Amino acid sequence: DGTNDALPLKYAHLGVAMQSGTDISKDAGDMILLDNNFSSIIRAIETGRLVSDNLKKVAIHLLPGGSWSQIWPIFFNLWFGMPLALSAFLAITFCMINDVFLSLAMANEKPERDIMARPPSIRSKDRMLNLRLLFHAFMLAGNAATFVGFFSYCYYWIDNGVPFYSFMFTFEHFGKD
């Protein structure tokens, strides 16, 4: 915590300085303990892991819901002439309500029980978004949301007496009076 500690703090993997230390040691350190208590490091690691876990949960929710499952109705409209299920205003309103409130709920989740039993993450190998997470988000969750939405949309039309062939390929009737 003195001036002579600045060089070791600078070259350490994680230089920990105390709030009561000199300004030089606080500038050289990576982490400054504001309460001058080393047990704060454990709480900081737990909080960092919790934030990382919750960000992954939010990413898994937002990626397929925010892009993948919402782009397919547009493709169905362009390729097969299906009418759009929602107007642009309703789609944006739904996204704002759904994404914001569910993301806030996931971001404020409590930590899992084994959060401190896991080994530390390796900065060069462990990424927030990796291929496994992207595969899970798009291929599993995104496709599931897309298929459920598509089939419930088709079921609604068929249940109300509109045959499937009459709302598919509707672009063939554009321009005819």
N, C-alpha and C. Protein backbone atom coordinates (compact mmCIF):
# COMPACT_ATOMS: atom_id res chain seq x y z
N ASP A 1 0.81 -1.20 0.00
CA ASP A 1 0.00 0.00 0.00
C ASP A 1 0.85 1.26 0.00
N GLY A 2 2.13 1.08 -0.11
CA GLY A 2 3.01 2.24 -0.17
C GLY A 2 3.47 2.48 -1.59
N THR A 3 4.34 3.45 -1.75
CA THR A 3 4.85 3.80 -3.07
C THR A 3 5.69 2.68 -3.65
N ASN A 4 6.40 1.92 -2.78
CA ASN A 4 7.25 0.84 -3.28
C ASN A 4 6.44 -0.36 -3.78
N ASP A 5 5.15 -0.41 -3.52
CA ASP A 5 4.30 -1.51 -4.00
C ASP A 5 3.75 -1.27 -5.39
N ALA A 6 3.99 -0.13 -5.97
CA ALA A 6 3.39 0.21 -7.26
C ALA A 6 3.88 -0.70 -8.37
N LEU A 7 5.18 -0.99 -8.42
CA LEU A 7 5.71 -1.84 -9.49
C LEU A 7 5.19 -3.27 -9.41
N PRO A 8 5.20 -3.94 -8.25
CA PRO A 8 4.60 -5.28 -8.19
C PRO A 8 3.11 -5.28 -8.51
N LEU A 9 2.39 -4.24 -8.09
CA LEU A 9 0.96 -4.16 -8.41
C LEU A 9 0.73 -4.06 -9.91
N LYS A 10 1.60 -3.34 -10.59
CA LYS A 10 1.45 -3.14 -12.02
C LYS A 10 1.69 -4.42 -12.80
N TYR A 11 2.66 -5.24 -12.38
CA TYR A 11 3.04 -6.44 -13.13
C TYR A 11 2.36 -7.71 -12.63
N ALA A 12 1.55 -7.64 -11.61
CA ALA A 12 0.83 -8.81 -11.13
C ALA A 12 -0.31 -9.14 -12.09
N HIS A 13 -0.78 -10.40 -12.05
CA HIS A 13 -1.94 -10.77 -12.86
C HIS A 13 -3.15 -9.92 -12.49
N LEU A 14 -3.32 -9.72 -11.20
CA LEU A 14 -4.39 -8.87 -10.70
C LEU A 14 -3.84 -8.11 -9.50
N GLY A 15 -3.50 -6.87 -9.73
CA GLY A 15 -2.96 -6.04 -8.66
C GLY A 15 -4.07 -5.50 -7.80
N VAL A 16 -4.03 -5.83 -6.49
CA VAL A 16 -5.08 -5.42 -5.57
C VAL A 16 -4.50 -4.35 -4.65
N ALA A 17 -5.08 -3.17 -4.69
CA ALA A 17 -4.66 -2.06 -3.84
C ALA A 17 -5.75 -1.76 -2.83
N MET A 18 -5.36 -1.15 -1.73
CA MET A 18 -6.30 -0.77 -0.68
C MET A 18 -6.71 0.69 -0.85
N GLN A 19 -7.90 1.00 -0.40
CA GLN A 19 -8.38 2.38 -0.45
C GLN A 19 -7.51 3.29 0.40
N SER A 20 -6.98 2.75 1.49
CA SER A 20 -6.15 3.57 2.38
C SER A 20 -4.72 3.72 1.87
N GLY A 21 -4.38 3.09 0.74
CA GLY A 21 -3.03 3.16 0.19
C GLY A 21 -2.76 4.48 -0.50
N THR A 22 -1.55 4.60 -1.01
CA THR A 22 -1.16 5.83 -1.69
C THR A 22 -1.81 5.90 -3.07
N ASP A 23 -1.84 7.09 -3.62
CA ASP A 23 -2.43 7.28 -4.94
C ASP A 23 -1.65 6.53 -6.01
N ILE A 24 -0.35 6.42 -5.86
CA ILE A 24 0.48 5.71 -6.84
C ILE A 24 0.11 4.23 -6.86
N SER A 25 -0.05 3.62 -5.69
CA SER A 25 -0.42 2.20 -5.65
C SER A 25 -1.84 1.99 -6.16
N LYS A 26 -2.74 2.92 -5.90
CA LYS A 26 -4.11 2.78 -6.41
C LYS A 26 -4.14 2.91 -7.93
N ASP A 27 -3.30 3.77 -8.50
CA ASP A 27 -3.23 3.90 -9.96
C ASP A 27 -2.64 2.66 -10.60
N ALA A 28 -1.70 2.01 -9.92
CA ALA A 28 -1.04 0.83 -10.49
C ALA A 28 -1.90 -0.42 -10.35
N GLY A 29 -2.78 -0.47 -9.37
CA GLY A 29 -3.59 -1.66 -9.12
C GLY A 29 -4.74 -1.80 -10.10
N ASP A 30 -5.14 -3.06 -10.33
CA ASP A 30 -6.29 -3.35 -11.18
C ASP A 30 -7.59 -3.26 -10.39
N MET A 31 -7.52 -3.59 -9.12
CA MET A 31 -8.70 -3.59 -8.25
C MET A 31 -8.36 -2.81 -6.99
N ILE A 32 -9.27 -1.94 -6.59
CA ILE A 32 -9.08 -1.17 -5.36
C ILE A 32 -10.17 -1.60 -4.38
N LEU A 33 -9.74 -2.10 -3.22
CA LEU A 33 -10.68 -2.52 -2.19
C LEU A 33 -11.12 -1.30 -1.39
N LEU A 34 -12.35 -0.89 -1.60
CA LEU A 34 -12.84 0.33 -0.96
C LEU A 34 -13.03 0.17 0.54
N ASP A 35 -13.28 -1.06 1.00
CA ASP A 35 -13.48 -1.27 2.44
C ASP A 35 -12.24 -1.82 3.13
N ASN A 36 -11.11 -1.91 2.40
CA ASN A 36 -9.83 -2.40 2.94
C ASN A 36 -9.96 -3.80 3.53
N ASN A 37 -10.80 -4.64 2.92
CA ASN A 37 -11.05 -5.98 3.42
C ASN A 37 -10.85 -6.96 2.27
N PHE A 38 -9.97 -7.95 2.47
CA PHE A 38 -9.67 -8.89 1.40
C PHE A 38 -10.84 -9.83 1.09
N SER A 39 -11.78 -9.99 2.01
CA SER A 39 -12.95 -10.84 1.71
C SER A 39 -13.85 -10.20 0.65
N SER A 40 -13.64 -8.94 0.37
CA SER A 40 -14.39 -8.28 -0.70
C SER A 40 -14.05 -8.86 -2.06
N ILE A 41 -12.86 -9.45 -2.19
CA ILE A 41 -12.45 -10.05 -3.46
C ILE A 41 -13.38 -11.21 -3.80
N ILE A 42 -13.73 -12.01 -2.81
CA ILE A 42 -14.63 -13.15 -3.05
C ILE A 42 -16.00 -12.67 -3.50
N ARG A 43 -16.51 -11.64 -2.84
CA ARG A 43 -17.80 -11.08 -3.25
C ARG A 43 -17.73 -10.49 -4.66
N ALA A 44 -16.60 -9.87 -5.00
CA ALA A 44 -16.44 -9.30 -6.35
C ALA A 44 -16.40 -10.40 -7.40
N ILE A 45 -15.71 -11.51 -7.11
CA ILE A 45 -15.66 -12.62 -8.06
C ILE A 45 -17.05 -13.23 -8.24
N GLU A 46 -17.77 -13.40 -7.14
CA GLU A 46 -19.12 -13.96 -7.22
C GLU A 46 -20.05 -13.04 -8.01
N THR A 47 -19.94 -11.75 -7.79
CA THR A 47 -20.77 -10.79 -8.53
C THR A 47 -20.40 -10.79 -10.01
N GLY A 48 -19.12 -10.87 -10.32
CA GLY A 48 -18.70 -10.92 -11.72
C GLY A 48 -19.21 -12.16 -12.43
N ARG A 49 -19.15 -13.30 -11.75
CA ARG A 49 -19.67 -14.53 -12.36
C ARG A 49 -21.19 -14.46 -12.53
N LEU A 50 -21.87 -13.86 -11.56
CA LEU A 50 -23.32 -13.71 -11.67
C LEU A 50 -23.69 -12.82 -12.85
N VAL A 51 -22.98 -11.72 -13.02
CA VAL A 51 -23.25 -10.83 -14.15
C VAL A 51 -22.99 -11.55 -15.47
N SER A 52 -21.90 -12.31 -15.54
CA SER A 52 -21.58 -13.05 -16.76
C SER A 52 -22.65 -14.09 -17.07
N ASP A 53 -23.07 -14.85 -16.06
CA ASP A 53 -24.11 -15.86 -16.27
C ASP A 53 -25.42 -15.23 -16.72
N ASN A 54 -25.80 -14.14 -16.08
CA ASN A 54 -27.07 -13.50 -16.43
C ASN A 54 -27.02 -12.86 -17.81
N LEU A 55 -25.86 -12.34 -18.22
CA LEU A 55 -25.74 -11.81 -19.58
C LEU A 55 -25.88 -12.91 -20.62
N LYS A 56 -25.36 -14.09 -20.33
CA LYS A 56 -25.53 -15.22 -21.25
C LYS A 56 -27.01 -15.60 -21.36
N LYS A 57 -27.73 -15.58 -20.24
CA LYS A 57 -29.16 -15.90 -20.27
C LYS A 57 -29.93 -14.87 -21.10
N VAL A 58 -29.59 -13.61 -20.93
CA VAL A 58 -30.25 -12.56 -21.71
C VAL A 58 -29.94 -12.72 -23.19
N ALA A 59 -28.69 -13.08 -23.52
CA ALA A 59 -28.31 -13.27 -24.92
C ALA A 59 -29.06 -14.45 -25.53
N ILE A 60 -29.20 -15.54 -24.78
CA ILE A 60 -29.95 -16.69 -25.29
C ILE A 60 -31.40 -16.31 -25.54
N HIS A 61 -31.95 -15.43 -24.72
CA HIS A 61 -33.34 -14.99 -24.91
C HIS A 61 -33.46 -14.03 -26.08
N LEU A 62 -32.57 -13.06 -26.17
CA LEU A 62 -32.73 -11.99 -27.17
C LEU A 62 -32.35 -12.42 -28.58
N LEU A 63 -31.35 -13.26 -28.73
CA LEU A 63 -30.91 -13.61 -30.09
C LEU A 63 -32.00 -14.28 -30.92
N PRO A 64 -32.58 -15.39 -30.45
CA PRO A 64 -33.61 -15.99 -31.31
C PRO A 64 -34.91 -15.21 -31.32
N GLY A 65 -35.27 -14.61 -30.20
CA GLY A 65 -36.53 -13.88 -30.15
C GLY A 65 -36.48 -12.55 -30.87
N GLY A 66 -35.33 -11.91 -30.83
CA GLY A 66 -35.20 -10.60 -31.41
C GLY A 66 -34.89 -10.58 -32.89
N SER A 67 -34.39 -11.68 -33.42
CA SER A 67 -34.01 -11.64 -34.83
C SER A 67 -34.52 -12.85 -35.59
N TRP A 68 -34.18 -14.02 -35.13
CA TRP A 68 -34.43 -15.24 -35.90
C TRP A 68 -35.92 -15.50 -36.10
N SER A 69 -36.68 -15.54 -35.02
CA SER A 69 -38.09 -15.89 -35.15
C SER A 69 -38.93 -14.76 -35.71
N GLN A 70 -38.41 -13.54 -35.74
CA GLN A 70 -39.18 -12.44 -36.31
C GLN A 70 -38.87 -12.20 -37.77
N ILE A 71 -37.78 -12.75 -38.27
CA ILE A 71 -37.46 -12.55 -39.68
C ILE A 71 -38.18 -13.58 -40.56
N TRP A 72 -38.50 -14.74 -39.99
CA TRP A 72 -39.14 -15.79 -40.79
C TRP A 72 -40.53 -15.40 -41.30
N PRO A 73 -41.39 -14.73 -40.53
CA PRO A 73 -42.67 -14.30 -41.12
C PRO A 73 -42.49 -13.38 -42.32
N ILE A 74 -41.44 -12.56 -42.31
CA ILE A 74 -41.18 -11.70 -43.46
C ILE A 74 -40.77 -12.54 -44.66
N PHE A 75 -39.93 -13.56 -44.42
CA PHE A 75 -39.56 -14.46 -45.52
C PHE A 75 -40.77 -15.23 -46.04
N PHE A 76 -41.65 -15.70 -45.14
CA PHE A 76 -42.86 -16.40 -45.58
C PHE A 76 -43.74 -15.47 -46.40
N ASN A 77 -43.78 -14.20 -46.04
CA ASN A 77 -44.55 -13.23 -46.80
C ASN A 77 -43.94 -13.04 -48.18
N LEU A 78 -42.63 -12.93 -48.26
CA LEU A 78 -41.98 -12.71 -49.55
C LEU A 78 -42.01 -13.94 -50.44
N TRP A 79 -41.74 -15.11 -49.87
CA TRP A 79 -41.64 -16.33 -50.67
C TRP A 79 -42.99 -16.95 -51.00
N PHE A 80 -43.89 -16.99 -50.01
CA PHE A 80 -45.15 -17.71 -50.18
C PHE A 80 -46.37 -16.81 -50.21
N GLY A 81 -46.18 -15.52 -50.02
CA GLY A 81 -47.30 -14.59 -50.06
C GLY A 81 -48.21 -14.65 -48.86
N MET A 82 -47.73 -15.20 -47.75
CA MET A 82 -48.56 -15.23 -46.54
C MET A 82 -48.76 -13.83 -46.01
N PRO A 83 -49.94 -13.50 -45.53
CA PRO A 83 -50.11 -12.18 -44.91
C PRO A 83 -49.30 -12.10 -43.61
N LEU A 84 -48.79 -10.92 -43.32
CA LEU A 84 -48.01 -10.74 -42.10
C LEU A 84 -48.90 -10.87 -40.88
N ALA A 85 -48.38 -11.50 -39.85
CA ALA A 85 -49.17 -11.72 -38.63
C ALA A 85 -49.33 -10.44 -37.83
N LEU A 86 -48.31 -9.61 -37.80
CA LEU A 86 -48.35 -8.37 -37.03
C LEU A 86 -47.93 -7.20 -37.90
N SER A 87 -48.50 -6.06 -37.62
CA SER A 87 -48.05 -4.85 -38.30
C SER A 87 -46.70 -4.45 -37.70
N ALA A 88 -46.03 -3.52 -38.34
CA ALA A 88 -44.73 -3.08 -37.84
C ALA A 88 -44.86 -2.47 -36.44
N PHE A 89 -45.91 -1.70 -36.22
CA PHE A 89 -46.13 -1.09 -34.91
C PHE A 89 -46.32 -2.15 -33.83
N LEU A 90 -47.15 -3.17 -34.11
CA LEU A 90 -47.38 -4.22 -33.12
C LEU A 90 -46.13 -5.05 -32.87
N ALA A 91 -45.35 -5.30 -33.92
CA ALA A 91 -44.11 -6.06 -33.74
C ALA A 91 -43.13 -5.30 -32.86
N ILE A 92 -42.99 -4.00 -33.08
CA ILE A 92 -42.08 -3.20 -32.26
C ILE A 92 -42.59 -3.10 -30.83
N THR A 93 -43.89 -2.92 -30.67
CA THR A 93 -44.47 -2.85 -29.33
C THR A 93 -44.27 -4.17 -28.59
N PHE A 94 -44.50 -5.28 -29.26
CA PHE A 94 -44.30 -6.59 -28.66
C PHE A 94 -42.84 -6.78 -28.26
N CYS A 95 -41.94 -6.38 -29.14
CA CYS A 95 -40.50 -6.52 -28.83
C CYS A 95 -40.12 -5.67 -27.63
N MET A 96 -40.61 -4.46 -27.59
CA MET A 96 -40.26 -3.57 -26.48
C MET A 96 -40.73 -4.16 -25.15
N ILE A 97 -41.96 -4.63 -25.11
CA ILE A 97 -42.50 -5.17 -23.85
C ILE A 97 -41.83 -6.49 -23.51
N ASN A 98 -41.78 -7.39 -24.47
CA ASN A 98 -41.24 -8.72 -24.23
C ASN A 98 -39.76 -8.67 -23.90
N ASP A 99 -38.98 -8.02 -24.72
CA ASP A 99 -37.54 -8.02 -24.54
C ASP A 99 -37.11 -7.28 -23.29
N VAL A 100 -37.69 -6.14 -23.03
CA VAL A 100 -37.25 -5.33 -21.90
C VAL A 100 -37.57 -6.02 -20.58
N PHE A 101 -38.82 -6.43 -20.38
CA PHE A 101 -39.19 -6.97 -19.08
C PHE A 101 -38.59 -8.35 -18.82
N LEU A 102 -38.55 -9.21 -19.83
CA LEU A 102 -37.94 -10.52 -19.62
C LEU A 102 -36.43 -10.40 -19.43
N SER A 103 -35.80 -9.48 -20.14
CA SER A 103 -34.36 -9.28 -19.96
C SER A 103 -34.05 -8.73 -18.58
N LEU A 104 -34.87 -7.82 -18.10
CA LEU A 104 -34.67 -7.31 -16.74
C LEU A 104 -34.84 -8.42 -15.70
N ALA A 105 -35.81 -9.28 -15.91
CA ALA A 105 -36.01 -10.39 -14.98
C ALA A 105 -34.82 -11.34 -14.99
N MET A 106 -34.30 -11.65 -16.17
CA MET A 106 -33.14 -12.55 -16.25
C MET A 106 -31.87 -11.89 -15.72
N ALA A 107 -31.72 -10.61 -15.93
CA ALA A 107 -30.52 -9.91 -15.47
C ALA A 107 -30.47 -9.81 -13.95
N ASN A 108 -31.62 -9.90 -13.30
CA ASN A 108 -31.66 -9.78 -11.84
C ASN A 108 -31.86 -11.12 -11.14
N GLU A 109 -31.57 -12.22 -11.82
CA GLU A 109 -31.71 -13.53 -11.18
C GLU A 109 -30.66 -13.73 -10.10
N LYS A 110 -30.99 -14.57 -9.14
CA LYS A 110 -30.06 -14.89 -8.06
C LYS A 110 -28.99 -15.85 -8.59
N PRO A 111 -27.84 -15.89 -7.94
CA PRO A 111 -26.77 -16.80 -8.42
C PRO A 111 -27.12 -18.26 -8.16
N GLU A 112 -26.57 -19.14 -9.00
CA GLU A 112 -26.73 -20.56 -8.78
C GLU A 112 -25.91 -20.97 -7.55
N ARG A 113 -26.21 -22.13 -7.02
CA ARG A 113 -25.52 -22.57 -5.80
C ARG A 113 -24.05 -22.87 -6.03
N ASP A 114 -23.71 -23.35 -7.22
CA ASP A 114 -22.33 -23.77 -7.49
C ASP A 114 -21.51 -22.69 -8.19
N ILE A 115 -21.89 -21.45 -8.05
CA ILE A 115 -21.24 -20.39 -8.81
C ILE A 115 -19.77 -20.22 -8.41
N MET A 116 -19.44 -20.47 -7.16
CA MET A 116 -18.05 -20.34 -6.72
C MET A 116 -17.29 -21.66 -6.81
N ALA A 117 -17.97 -22.77 -7.08
CA ALA A 117 -17.31 -24.06 -7.21
C ALA A 117 -16.73 -24.27 -8.61
N ARG A 118 -17.16 -23.47 -9.55
CA ARG A 118 -16.66 -23.61 -10.93
C ARG A 118 -15.24 -23.08 -11.02
N PRO A 119 -14.46 -23.64 -11.95
CA PRO A 119 -13.11 -23.09 -12.13
C PRO A 119 -13.18 -21.71 -12.77
N PRO A 120 -12.13 -20.92 -12.60
CA PRO A 120 -12.15 -19.58 -13.21
C PRO A 120 -12.15 -19.68 -14.73
N SER A 121 -12.75 -18.70 -15.35
CA SER A 121 -12.79 -18.69 -16.81
C SER A 121 -11.44 -18.22 -17.35
N ILE A 122 -11.10 -18.75 -18.51
CA ILE A 122 -9.85 -18.38 -19.17
C ILE A 122 -10.19 -17.35 -20.23
N ARG A 123 -9.59 -16.19 -20.11
CA ARG A 123 -9.95 -15.06 -20.96
C ARG A 123 -9.75 -15.37 -22.45
N SER A 124 -8.73 -16.13 -22.79
CA SER A 124 -8.46 -16.40 -24.21
C SER A 124 -9.36 -17.49 -24.78
N LYS A 125 -9.97 -18.32 -23.94
CA LYS A 125 -10.80 -19.43 -24.43
C LYS A 125 -12.29 -19.23 -24.20
N ASP A 126 -12.65 -18.74 -23.04
CA ASP A 126 -14.06 -18.61 -22.69
C ASP A 126 -14.61 -17.29 -23.22
N ARG A 127 -15.59 -17.39 -24.07
CA ARG A 127 -16.22 -16.21 -24.67
C ARG A 127 -17.67 -16.13 -24.21
N MET A 128 -18.20 -14.92 -24.24
CA MET A 128 -19.60 -14.74 -23.87
C MET A 128 -20.50 -15.47 -24.87
N LEU A 129 -20.22 -15.32 -26.16
CA LEU A 129 -20.98 -16.01 -27.20
C LEU A 129 -20.04 -16.96 -27.92
N ASN A 130 -20.29 -18.24 -27.79
CA ASN A 130 -19.49 -19.23 -28.51
C ASN A 130 -20.40 -20.00 -29.46
N LEU A 131 -19.83 -20.91 -30.22
CA LEU A 131 -20.62 -21.65 -31.22
C LEU A 131 -21.72 -22.47 -30.57
N ARG A 132 -21.44 -23.04 -29.41
CA ARG A 132 -22.45 -23.85 -28.73
C ARG A 132 -23.64 -22.99 -28.33
N LEU A 133 -23.37 -21.82 -27.79
CA LEU A 133 -24.45 -20.91 -27.39
C LEU A 133 -25.23 -20.41 -28.59
N LEU A 134 -24.54 -20.06 -29.67
CA LEU A 134 -25.23 -19.59 -30.87
C LEU A 134 -26.07 -20.70 -31.49
N PHE A 135 -25.55 -21.94 -31.49
CA PHE A 135 -26.33 -23.07 -32.00
C PHE A 135 -27.58 -23.26 -31.15
N HIS A 136 -27.42 -23.20 -29.85
CA HIS A 136 -28.58 -23.35 -28.96
C HIS A 136 -29.59 -22.24 -29.18
N ALA A 137 -29.10 -21.01 -29.33
CA ALA A 137 -30.00 -19.87 -29.46
C ALA A 137 -30.77 -19.91 -30.77
N PHE A 138 -30.07 -20.14 -31.87
CA PHE A 138 -30.73 -20.05 -33.17
C PHE A 138 -31.37 -21.37 -33.59
N MET A 139 -30.64 -22.46 -33.52
CA MET A 139 -31.15 -23.72 -34.06
C MET A 139 -32.18 -24.38 -33.15
N LEU A 140 -32.03 -24.26 -31.86
CA LEU A 140 -32.98 -24.91 -30.96
C LEU A 140 -34.08 -23.94 -30.52
N ALA A 141 -33.71 -22.91 -29.80
CA ALA A 141 -34.72 -21.98 -29.27
C ALA A 141 -35.36 -21.15 -30.38
N GLY A 142 -34.56 -20.67 -31.32
CA GLY A 142 -35.09 -19.85 -32.41
C GLY A 142 -36.02 -20.61 -33.32
N ASN A 143 -35.61 -21.82 -33.71
CA ASN A 143 -36.48 -22.62 -34.58
C ASN A 143 -37.73 -23.08 -33.84
N ALA A 144 -37.61 -23.39 -32.56
CA ALA A 144 -38.80 -23.78 -31.79
C ALA A 144 -39.80 -22.63 -31.72
N ALA A 145 -39.31 -21.43 -31.45
CA ALA A 145 -40.20 -20.26 -31.41
C ALA A 145 -40.81 -19.99 -32.78
N THR A 146 -40.02 -20.17 -33.84
CA THR A 146 -40.52 -19.95 -35.20
C THR A 146 -41.61 -20.94 -35.55
N PHE A 147 -41.37 -22.22 -35.29
CA PHE A 147 -42.36 -23.24 -35.65
C PHE A 147 -43.63 -23.11 -34.81
N VAL A 148 -43.49 -22.84 -33.53
CA VAL A 148 -44.68 -22.67 -32.69
C VAL A 148 -45.49 -21.47 -33.17
N GLY A 149 -44.82 -20.38 -33.46
CA GLY A 149 -45.52 -19.19 -33.96
C GLY A 149 -46.18 -19.44 -35.31
N PHE A 150 -45.47 -20.12 -36.22
CA PHE A 150 -46.01 -20.38 -37.55
C PHE A 150 -47.23 -21.29 -37.48
N PHE A 151 -47.14 -22.37 -36.72
CA PHE A 151 -48.25 -23.31 -36.66
C PHE A 151 -49.44 -22.73 -35.89
N SER A 152 -49.19 -21.92 -34.87
CA SER A 152 -50.33 -21.29 -34.18
C SER A 152 -51.00 -20.26 -35.08
N TYR A 153 -50.20 -19.57 -35.90
CA TYR A 153 -50.76 -18.62 -36.86
C TYR A 153 -51.61 -19.35 -37.90
N CYS A 154 -51.12 -20.44 -38.45
CA CYS A 154 -51.89 -21.23 -39.42
C CYS A 154 -53.13 -21.84 -38.76
N TYR A 155 -52.99 -22.31 -37.52
CA TYR A 155 -54.13 -22.89 -36.82
C TYR A 155 -55.23 -21.85 -36.62
N TYR A 156 -54.84 -20.62 -36.31
CA TYR A 156 -55.83 -19.55 -36.13
C TYR A 156 -56.65 -19.36 -37.40
N TRP A 157 -55.97 -19.29 -38.55
CA TRP A 157 -56.69 -19.09 -39.81
C TRP A 157 -57.57 -20.29 -40.13
N ILE A 158 -57.06 -21.47 -39.99
CA ILE A 158 -57.83 -22.68 -40.32
C ILE A 158 -58.99 -22.84 -39.35
N ASP A 159 -58.77 -22.55 -38.06
CA ASP A 159 -59.84 -22.66 -37.07
C ASP A 159 -60.97 -21.67 -37.33
N ASN A 160 -60.68 -20.56 -37.95
CA ASN A 160 -61.70 -19.57 -38.28
C ASN A 160 -62.29 -19.77 -39.67
N GLY A 161 -62.08 -20.93 -40.25
CA GLY A 161 -62.73 -21.28 -41.50
C GLY A 161 -62.01 -20.85 -42.77
N VAL A 162 -60.80 -20.37 -42.66
CA VAL A 162 -60.04 -19.96 -43.84
C VAL A 162 -59.13 -21.14 -44.22
N PRO A 163 -59.33 -21.73 -45.40
CA PRO A 163 -58.48 -22.86 -45.78
C PRO A 163 -57.03 -22.42 -45.98
N PHE A 164 -56.12 -23.37 -45.79
CA PHE A 164 -54.68 -23.09 -45.85
C PHE A 164 -54.28 -22.51 -47.20
N TYR A 165 -54.83 -23.05 -48.28
CA TYR A 165 -54.42 -22.60 -49.62
C TYR A 165 -54.88 -21.18 -49.93
N SER A 166 -55.86 -20.65 -49.18
CA SER A 166 -56.34 -19.31 -49.50
C SER A 166 -55.48 -18.20 -48.88
N PHE A 167 -54.70 -18.52 -47.86
CA PHE A 167 -53.81 -17.47 -47.35
C PHE A 167 -52.35 -17.74 -47.70
N MET A 168 -52.10 -18.79 -48.45
CA MET A 168 -50.76 -19.02 -49.02
C MET A 168 -50.78 -18.54 -50.47
N PHE A 169 -49.68 -18.03 -50.92
CA PHE A 169 -49.51 -17.55 -52.29
C PHE A 169 -50.54 -16.47 -52.64
N THR A 170 -50.82 -15.58 -51.70
CA THR A 170 -51.78 -14.51 -51.96
C THR A 170 -51.21 -13.44 -52.87
N PHE A 171 -49.90 -13.45 -53.11
CA PHE A 171 -49.33 -12.44 -54.00
C PHE A 171 -49.75 -12.67 -55.45
N GLU A 172 -50.30 -13.85 -55.77
CA GLU A 172 -50.78 -14.10 -57.13
C GLU A 172 -51.99 -13.22 -57.45
N HIS A 173 -52.68 -12.76 -56.42
CA HIS A 173 -53.89 -11.97 -56.62
C HIS A 173 -53.63 -10.47 -56.61
N PHE A 174 -52.38 -10.06 -56.36
CA PHE A 174 -52.08 -8.63 -56.33
C PHE A 174 -52.22 -8.04 -57.73
N GLY A 175 -52.82 -6.89 -57.82
CA GLY A 175 -52.95 -6.20 -59.10
C GLY A 175 -54.17 -6.60 -59.90
N LYS A 176 -54.90 -7.61 -59.43
CA LYS A 176 -56.12 -8.03 -60.13
C LYS A 176 -57.31 -7.33 -59.50
N ASP A 177 -58.17 -6.82 -60.32
CA ASP A 177 -59.37 -6.14 -59.81
C ASP A 177 -60.60 -6.95 -60.04
